[in-house]
C-alpha atoms as a PDB file:
ATOM      1  CA  MET A   1       2.741  23.510  14.612  1.00  0.00           C
ATOM      2  CA  SER A   2       2.040  20.517  12.423  1.00  0.00           C
ATOM      3  CA  SER A   3       3.725  20.024   9.068  1.00  0.00           C
ATOM      4  CA  LYS A   4       1.904  18.977   5.927  1.00  0.00           C
ATOM      5  CA  LEU A   5       2.236  15.297   5.095  1.00  0.00           C
ATOM      6  CA  HIS A   6       3.023  14.012   1.607  1.00  0.00           C
ATOM      7  CA  LYS A   7       2.903  10.249   1.094  1.00  0.00           C
ATOM      8  CA  GLY A   8       5.132   9.321  -1.835  1.00  0.00           C
ATOM      9  CA  SER A   9       4.082   6.696  -4.371  1.00  0.00           C
ATOM     10  CA  ARG A  10       6.785   4.208  -3.319  1.00  0.00           C
ATOM     11  CA  PHE A  11       5.681   4.551   0.319  1.00  0.00           C
ATOM     12  CA  LEU A  12       2.070   3.871  -0.691  1.00  0.00           C
ATOM     13  CA  THR A  13       3.134   0.784  -2.658  1.00  0.00           C
ATOM     14  CA  ASP A  14       5.270  -0.492   0.236  1.00  0.00           C
ATOM     15  CA  TYR A  15       2.446   0.123   2.701  1.00  0.00           C
ATOM     16  CA  ALA A  16      -0.143  -1.683   0.572  1.00  0.00           C
ATOM     17  CA  GLU A  17       2.118  -4.703   0.005  1.00  0.00           C
ATOM     18  CA  ILE A  18       2.924  -5.034   3.706  1.00  0.00           C
ATOM     19  CA  VAL A  19      -0.717  -4.739   4.758  1.00  0.00           C
ATOM     20  CA  LEU A  20      -1.821  -7.281   2.138  1.00  0.00           C
ATOM     21  CA  GLY A  21       0.811  -9.734   3.360  1.00  0.00           C
ATOM     22  CA  LEU A  22      -0.107  -9.249   7.001  1.00  0.00           C
ATOM     23  CA  SER A  23      -3.846  -9.482   6.232  1.00  0.00           C
ATOM     24  CA  ALA A  24      -3.419 -12.866   4.590  1.00  0.00           C
ATOM     25  CA  ALA A  25      -1.761 -14.268   7.712  1.00  0.00           C
ATOM     26  CA  ASN A  26      -3.447 -12.255  10.468  1.00  0.00           C
ATOM     27  CA  PRO A  27      -6.080  -9.579   9.763  1.00  0.00           C
ATOM     28  CA  GLU A  28      -5.953  -8.267  13.334  1.00  0.00           C
ATOM     29  CA  ALA A  29      -2.199  -7.767  13.101  1.00  0.00           C
ATOM     30  CA  ALA A  30      -2.677  -5.906   9.825  1.00  0.00           C
ATOM     31  CA  GLU A  31      -5.132  -3.567  11.519  1.00  0.00           C
ATOM     32  CA  ARG A  32      -2.744  -2.971  14.434  1.00  0.00           C
ATOM     33  CA  PHE A  33       0.057  -2.322  11.945  1.00  0.00           C
ATOM     34  CA  CYS A  34      -2.035   0.296  10.125  1.00  0.00           C
ATOM     35  CA  ASP A  35      -2.815   1.995  13.437  1.00  0.00           C
ATOM     36  CA  ALA A  36       0.893   2.014  14.353  1.00  0.00           C
ATOM     37  CA  VAL A  37       1.905   3.487  10.985  1.00  0.00           C
ATOM     38  CA  GLU A  38      -0.752   6.199  11.208  1.00  0.00           C
ATOM     39  CA  GLN A  39       0.383   7.053  14.755  1.00  0.00           C
ATOM     40  CA  ALA A  40       3.984   7.314  13.539  1.00  0.00           C
ATOM     41  CA  LEU A  41       2.964   9.581  10.661  1.00  0.00           C
ATOM     42  CA  SER A  42       1.013  11.817  13.017  1.00  0.00           C
ATOM     43  CA  LEU A  43       3.944  12.014  15.433  1.00  0.00           C
ATOM     44  CA  LEU A  44       6.412  12.859  12.663  1.00  0.00           C
ATOM     45  CA  GLN A  45       4.079  15.523  11.300  1.00  0.00           C
ATOM     46  CA  THR A  46       4.271  17.258  14.658  1.00  0.00           C
ATOM     47  CA  HIS A  47       7.938  16.463  15.408  1.00  0.00           C
ATOM     48  CA  PRO A  48       9.676  15.901  12.056  1.00  0.00           C
ATOM     49  CA  GLN A  49      13.202  15.940  13.490  1.00  0.00           C
ATOM     50  CA  LEU A  50      12.614  12.937  15.796  1.00  0.00           C
ATOM     51  CA  GLY A  51      14.036  10.333  13.453  1.00  0.00           C
ATOM     52  CA  SER A  52      17.732   9.733  12.977  1.00  0.00           C
ATOM     53  CA  LYS A  53      19.535  10.271   9.681  1.00  0.00           C
ATOM     54  CA  ALA A  54      19.211   7.142   7.551  1.00  0.00           C
ATOM     55  CA  GLY A  55      22.636   7.436   5.918  1.00  0.00           C
ATOM     56  CA  PHE A  56      21.677   6.996   2.261  1.00  0.00           C
ATOM     57  CA  ARG A  57      24.094   8.133  -0.417  1.00  0.00           C
ATOM     58  CA  GLY A  58      22.674  10.996  -2.398  1.00  0.00           C
ATOM     59  CA  ALA A  59      19.908  11.611   0.144  1.00  0.00           C
ATOM     60  CA  PRO A  60      21.646  12.790   3.330  1.00  0.00           C
ATOM     61  CA  VAL A  61      18.510  14.461   4.717  1.00  0.00           C
ATOM     62  CA  VAL A  62      16.355  11.304   4.662  1.00  0.00           C
ATOM     63  CA  ARG A  63      15.518  10.159   8.183  1.00  0.00           C
ATOM     64  CA  LYS A  64      14.253   6.854   9.561  1.00  0.00           C
ATOM     65  CA  TRP A  65      11.752   6.014  12.240  1.00  0.00           C
ATOM     66  CA  VAL A  66      11.012   2.613  13.772  1.00  0.00           C
ATOM     67  CA  ILE A  67       7.308   1.748  13.837  1.00  0.00           C
ATOM     68  CA  GLN A  68       6.323   1.277  17.480  1.00  0.00           C
ATOM     69  CA  LYS A  69       5.062  -2.252  18.302  1.00  0.00           C
ATOM     70  CA  PHE A  70       6.399  -3.350  14.877  1.00  0.00           C
ATOM     71  CA  PRO A  71      10.118  -2.660  15.354  1.00  0.00           C
ATOM     72  CA  ASN A  72      11.150  -4.586  12.257  1.00  0.00           C
ATOM     73  CA  TYR A  73       9.533  -1.940  10.057  1.00  0.00           C
ATOM     74  CA  LEU A  74      11.266   1.326   9.215  1.00  0.00           C
ATOM     75  CA  LEU A  75       9.624   4.468   7.916  1.00  0.00           C
ATOM     76  CA  PHE A  76      11.871   6.658   5.760  1.00  0.00           C
ATOM     77  CA  TYR A  77      11.010  10.312   5.331  1.00  0.00           C
ATOM     78  CA  GLU A  78      12.371  13.736   4.548  1.00  0.00           C
ATOM     79  CA  ALA A  79      11.606  16.666   6.846  1.00  0.00           C
ATOM     80  CA  ARG A  80      11.303  19.736   4.670  1.00  0.00           C
ATOM     81  CA  GLU A  81      10.515  23.284   5.738  1.00  0.00           C
ATOM     82  CA  GLU A  82       6.741  22.839   6.068  1.00  0.00           C
ATOM     83  CA  THR A  83       6.232  19.298   4.785  1.00  0.00           C
ATOM     84  CA  VAL A  84       7.113  15.770   5.808  1.00  0.00           C
ATOM     85  CA  VAL A  85       7.653  13.671   2.674  1.00  0.00           C
ATOM     86  CA  VAL A  86       7.234   9.978   3.412  1.00  0.00           C
ATOM     87  CA  VAL A  87       9.527   8.069   1.064  1.00  0.00           C
ATOM     88  CA  ARG A  88       9.459   4.341   1.919  1.00  0.00           C
ATOM     89  CA  LEU A  89       8.206   1.793   4.455  1.00  0.00           C
ATOM     90  CA  LEU A  90      10.513  -1.221   4.578  1.00  0.00           C
ATOM     91  CA  HIS A  91      11.190  -4.286   6.683  1.00  0.00           C
ATOM     92  CA  GLY A  92      14.545  -3.782   8.389  1.00  0.00           C
ATOM     93  CA  ALA A  93      15.643  -7.408   7.932  1.00  0.00           C
ATOM     94  CA  ARG A  94      15.672  -7.116   4.165  1.00  0.00           C
ATOM     95  CA  ASN A  95      18.562  -5.663   2.228  1.00  0.00           C
ATOM     96  CA  LEU A  96      17.889  -1.955   2.301  1.00  0.00           C
ATOM     97  CA  PRO A  97      18.577  -0.138  -0.951  1.00  0.00           C
ATOM     98  CA  PRO A  98      21.951   1.678  -1.014  1.00  0.00           C
ATOM     99  CA  GLU A  99      20.191   4.777  -2.297  1.00  0.00           C
ATOM    100  CA  ILE A 100      16.759   6.195  -1.781  1.00  0.00           C
ATOM    101  CA  SER A 101      14.870   8.833  -3.677  1.00  0.00           C
ATOM    102  CA  PRO A 102      12.371  11.220  -2.074  1.00  0.00           C
ATOM    103  CA  ASN A 103      10.100  10.936  -5.140  1.00  0.00           C
END
């Protein structure tokens, strides 16, 4: 059974900024990145427990998933009873925030 998918506002902002940056340098790479993110979201909708715990203070249930073919990018999400809440999409080489909010 597939869970509902909720894309949080911070995730949408992250996603748009990353795609805009990639598009400026390489439009084909931006398109491949979008495909990889959408595949990851689809996979996590079906198997929400696949990701490992991200280890954020105050948000112990937030999980992370590495975007296939773009391993520097991490998708952060919360697997709830019937919904996958996508929280952030961040580059792993940057300083990750010490806390993360599922809103």
